[in-house]
C-alpha atoms as a PDB file:
ATOM      1  CA  MET A   1      11.563   9.658  -5.442  1.00  0.00           C
ATOM      2  CA  LYS A   2      13.535   7.162  -4.383  1.00  0.00           C
ATOM      3  CA  VAL A   3      13.755   5.710  -0.815  1.00  0.00           C
ATOM      4  CA  LYS A   4      15.545   2.617  -0.172  1.00  0.00           C
ATOM      5  CA  LEU A   5      13.624   0.950   2.601  1.00  0.00           C
ATOM      6  CA  SER A   6      14.679  -0.633   5.696  1.00  0.00           C
ATOM      7  CA  SER A   7      14.311  -4.212   6.776  1.00  0.00           C
ATOM      8  CA  ARG A   8      12.202  -3.116   9.365  1.00  0.00           C
ATOM      9  CA  VAL A   9       9.215  -0.946   7.252  1.00  0.00           C
ATOM     10  CA  SER A  10       9.459  -3.021   4.034  1.00  0.00           C
ATOM     11  CA  ALA A  11       7.116  -6.087   5.727  1.00  0.00           C
ATOM     12  CA  PRO A  12       4.135  -3.772   5.292  1.00  0.00           C
ATOM     13  CA  LEU A  13       4.842  -2.448   1.985  1.00  0.00           C
ATOM     14  CA  SER A  14       5.657  -5.611   0.975  1.00  0.00           C
ATOM     15  CA  GLY A  15       2.750  -6.389  -1.066  1.00  0.00           C
ATOM     16  CA  LEU A  16       2.910  -2.231  -3.077  1.00  0.00           C
ATOM     17  CA  LYS A  17       3.447  -2.190  -6.752  1.00  0.00           C
ATOM     18  CA  ASP A  18       5.540   1.270  -6.855  1.00  0.00           C
ATOM     19  CA  THR A  19       6.549   3.148  -4.834  1.00  0.00           C
ATOM     20  CA  SER A  20       3.610   5.896  -5.715  1.00  0.00           C
ATOM     21  CA  ALA A  21       1.219   2.922  -3.810  1.00  0.00           C
ATOM     22  CA  ILE A  22       2.598   3.869  -1.336  1.00  0.00           C
ATOM     23  CA  ARG A  23      -0.414   6.960  -0.848  1.00  0.00           C
ATOM     24  CA  THR A  24      -2.716   4.490  -0.247  1.00  0.00           C
ATOM     25  CA  VAL A  25      -1.377   3.161   2.757  1.00  0.00           C
ATOM     26  CA  SER A  26      -4.072   3.694   6.053  1.00  0.00           C
ATOM     27  CA  ARG A  27      -4.364   3.464   9.086  1.00  0.00           C
ATOM     28  CA  ALA A  28      -6.078   0.870   8.858  1.00  0.00           C
ATOM     29  CA  HIS A  29      -3.590  -0.936   6.846  1.00  0.00           C
ATOM     30  CA  VAL A  30      -0.867  -0.230  10.076  1.00  0.00           C
ATOM     31  CA  ILE A  31      -2.863  -1.635  12.417  1.00  0.00           C
ATOM     32  CA  ALA A  32      -3.923  -4.576  10.549  1.00  0.00           C
ATOM     33  CA  TRP A  33       0.586  -5.400  10.074  1.00  0.00           C
ATOM     34  CA  ARG A  34       0.558  -4.150  14.523  1.00  0.00           C
ATOM     35  CA  LYS A  35      -2.353  -7.274  14.936  1.00  0.00           C
ATOM     36  CA  ASP A  36      -0.971  -9.736  12.649  1.00  0.00           C
ATOM     37  CA  MET A  37       3.381  -8.769  14.242  1.00  0.00           C
ATOM     38  CA  GLU A  38       0.774  -9.868  18.292  1.00  0.00           C
ATOM     39  CA  THR A  39      -0.923 -13.011  16.896  1.00  0.00           C
ATOM     40  CA  ARG A  40       3.390 -13.725  16.144  1.00  0.00           C
ATOM     41  CA  SER A  41       4.028 -13.704  19.151  1.00  0.00           C
ATOM     42  CA  LEU A  42       6.434 -10.254  18.682  1.00  0.00           C
ATOM     43  CA  GLY A  43       7.444  -8.747  21.815  1.00  0.00           C
ATOM     44  CA  ALA A  44       5.896  -5.882  22.403  1.00  0.00           C
ATOM     45  CA  ALA A  45       8.896  -3.919  22.129  1.00  0.00           C
ATOM     46  CA  THR A  46      10.053  -5.498  19.184  1.00  0.00           C
ATOM     47  CA  ILE A  47       6.725  -4.138  17.336  1.00  0.00           C
ATOM     48  CA  ARG A  48       6.889  -0.729  18.556  1.00  0.00           C
ATOM     49  CA  ARG A  49      10.658  -0.319  17.102  1.00  0.00           C
ATOM     50  CA  LYS A  50       8.917  -1.797  13.798  1.00  0.00           C
ATOM     51  CA  LEU A  51       5.378   1.546  14.546  1.00  0.00           C
ATOM     52  CA  SER A  52       8.001   3.522  15.408  1.00  0.00           C
ATOM     53  CA  ALA A  53      10.453   3.610  12.503  1.00  0.00           C
ATOM     54  CA  LEU A  54       7.203   2.986   9.500  1.00  0.00           C
ATOM     55  CA  SER A  55       6.295   6.093  11.300  1.00  0.00           C
ATOM     56  CA  SER A  56       9.814   7.816  10.641  1.00  0.00           C
ATOM     57  CA  LEU A  57       9.664   6.919   7.541  1.00  0.00           C
ATOM     58  CA  PHE A  58       6.499   8.160   6.766  1.00  0.00           C
ATOM     59  CA  ASP A  59       7.176  11.515   8.395  1.00  0.00           C
ATOM     60  CA  TYR A  60       9.597  11.672   6.232  1.00  0.00           C
ATOM     61  CA  LEU A  61       7.860  11.398   3.215  1.00  0.00           C
ATOM     62  CA  CYS A  62       4.947  14.210   5.132  1.00  0.00           C
ATOM     63  CA  GLU A  63       8.531  16.583   5.174  1.00  0.00           C
ATOM     64  CA  ARG A  64       8.699  15.920   1.440  1.00  0.00           C
ATOM     65  CA  ASN A  65       5.370  16.659   0.346  1.00  0.00           C
ATOM     66  CA  ALA A  66       5.637  12.959  -0.393  1.00  0.00           C
ATOM     67  CA  VAL A  67       2.614  11.995   1.010  1.00  0.00           C
ATOM     68  CA  ALA A  68      -0.677  13.724   3.227  1.00  0.00           C
ATOM     69  CA  GLY A  69      -0.542  12.208   6.380  1.00  0.00           C
ATOM     70  CA  ASN A  70       1.560   9.784   8.144  1.00  0.00           C
ATOM     71  CA  PRO A  71      -0.851   6.840   9.194  1.00  0.00           C
ATOM     72  CA  VAL A  72       1.012   5.618  12.125  1.00  0.00           C
ATOM     73  CA  ASP A  73      -0.446   7.822  13.447  1.00  0.00           C
ATOM     74  CA  GLY A  74      -2.808   7.776  16.388  1.00  0.00           C
ATOM     75  CA  VAL A  75      -1.384   4.161  16.326  1.00  0.00           C
ATOM     76  CA  LYS A  76      -1.346   2.937  19.482  1.00  0.00           C
ATOM     77  CA  ARG A  77       1.227   0.475  20.354  1.00  0.00           C
ATOM     78  CA  PRO A  78       2.216  -1.460  22.399  1.00  0.00           C
ATOM     79  CA  THR A  79       3.056  -0.809  26.653  1.00  0.00           C
ATOM     80  CA  THR A  80       7.006  -2.421  27.671  1.00  0.00           C
ATOM     81  CA  ASN A  81       7.688  -2.591  31.043  1.00  0.00           C
ATOM     82  CA  ASN A  82      11.133  -1.102  31.176  1.00  0.00           C
ATOM     83  CA  ASN A  83      11.195  -1.636  35.370  1.00  0.00           C
ATOM     84  CA  GLU A  84      12.370   2.116  34.746  1.00  0.00           C
ATOM     85  CA  ALA A  85       9.518   2.801  38.157  1.00  0.00           C
ATOM     86  CA  ALA A  86      10.569  -0.124  40.620  1.00  0.00           C
ATOM     87  CA  ARG A  87      13.544   0.449  40.577  1.00  0.00           C
ATOM     88  CA  PRO A  88      14.651   4.438  41.127  1.00  0.00           C
ATOM     89  CA  PRO A  89      18.553   5.151  41.262  1.00  0.00           C
ATOM     90  CA  TRP A  90      18.824   6.940  44.242  1.00  0.00           C
ATOM     91  CA  VAL A  91      16.560   4.407  46.446  1.00  0.00           C
ATOM     92  CA  MET A  92      18.521   1.682  45.366  1.00  0.00           C
ATOM     93  CA  ARG A  93      21.281   0.265  43.735  1.00  0.00           C
ATOM     94  CA  ARG A  94      22.770  -2.693  42.829  1.00  0.00           C
ATOM     95  CA  HIS A  95      25.343  -4.486  44.969  1.00  0.00           C
ATOM     96  CA  GLY A  96      26.959  -8.381  44.778  1.00  0.00           C
ATOM     97  CA  GLY A  97      23.149  -9.383  43.045  1.00  0.00           C
ATOM     98  CA  ARG A  98      21.309  -7.973  45.229  1.00  0.00           C
ATOM     99  CA  TRP A  99      18.796  -4.300  45.508  1.00  0.00           C
ATOM    100  CA  ARG A 100      19.819  -2.354  49.247  1.00  0.00           C
ATOM    101  CA  PRO A 101      18.644   0.900  49.941  1.00  0.00           C
ATOM    102  CA  LEU A 102      21.521   3.760  49.173  1.00  0.00           C
ATOM    103  CA  PRO A 103      22.705   4.149  53.079  1.00  0.00           C
ATOM    104  CA  ARG A 104      21.192   7.233  54.603  1.00  0.00           C
ATOM    105  CA  ILE A 105      23.349  11.447  54.210  1.00  0.00           C
ATOM    106  CA  ARG A 106      23.333  12.567  57.997  1.00  0.00           C
END
């Protein structure tokens, strides 16, 4: 099976000699790659995106019976602060560069 890898997932798989070697990738390899990205000071969202891309690749390969399992499953991903809970849209609105409460409806 020939799979073209995107640049997001090619880095952890770049040391593989041929496509059959992808079956040897383990959870420990993925964790080591995640730690390497953390030491290179990549952002949490970037690391999550790269792990997600790698997980999608292994899900695809699992569906095609090319690998037995997804080594990314169970690997903890860094948390991101997306401020969703900080400013719920039904409570606050942006007005003139500041967040203000919505007017009360009587």
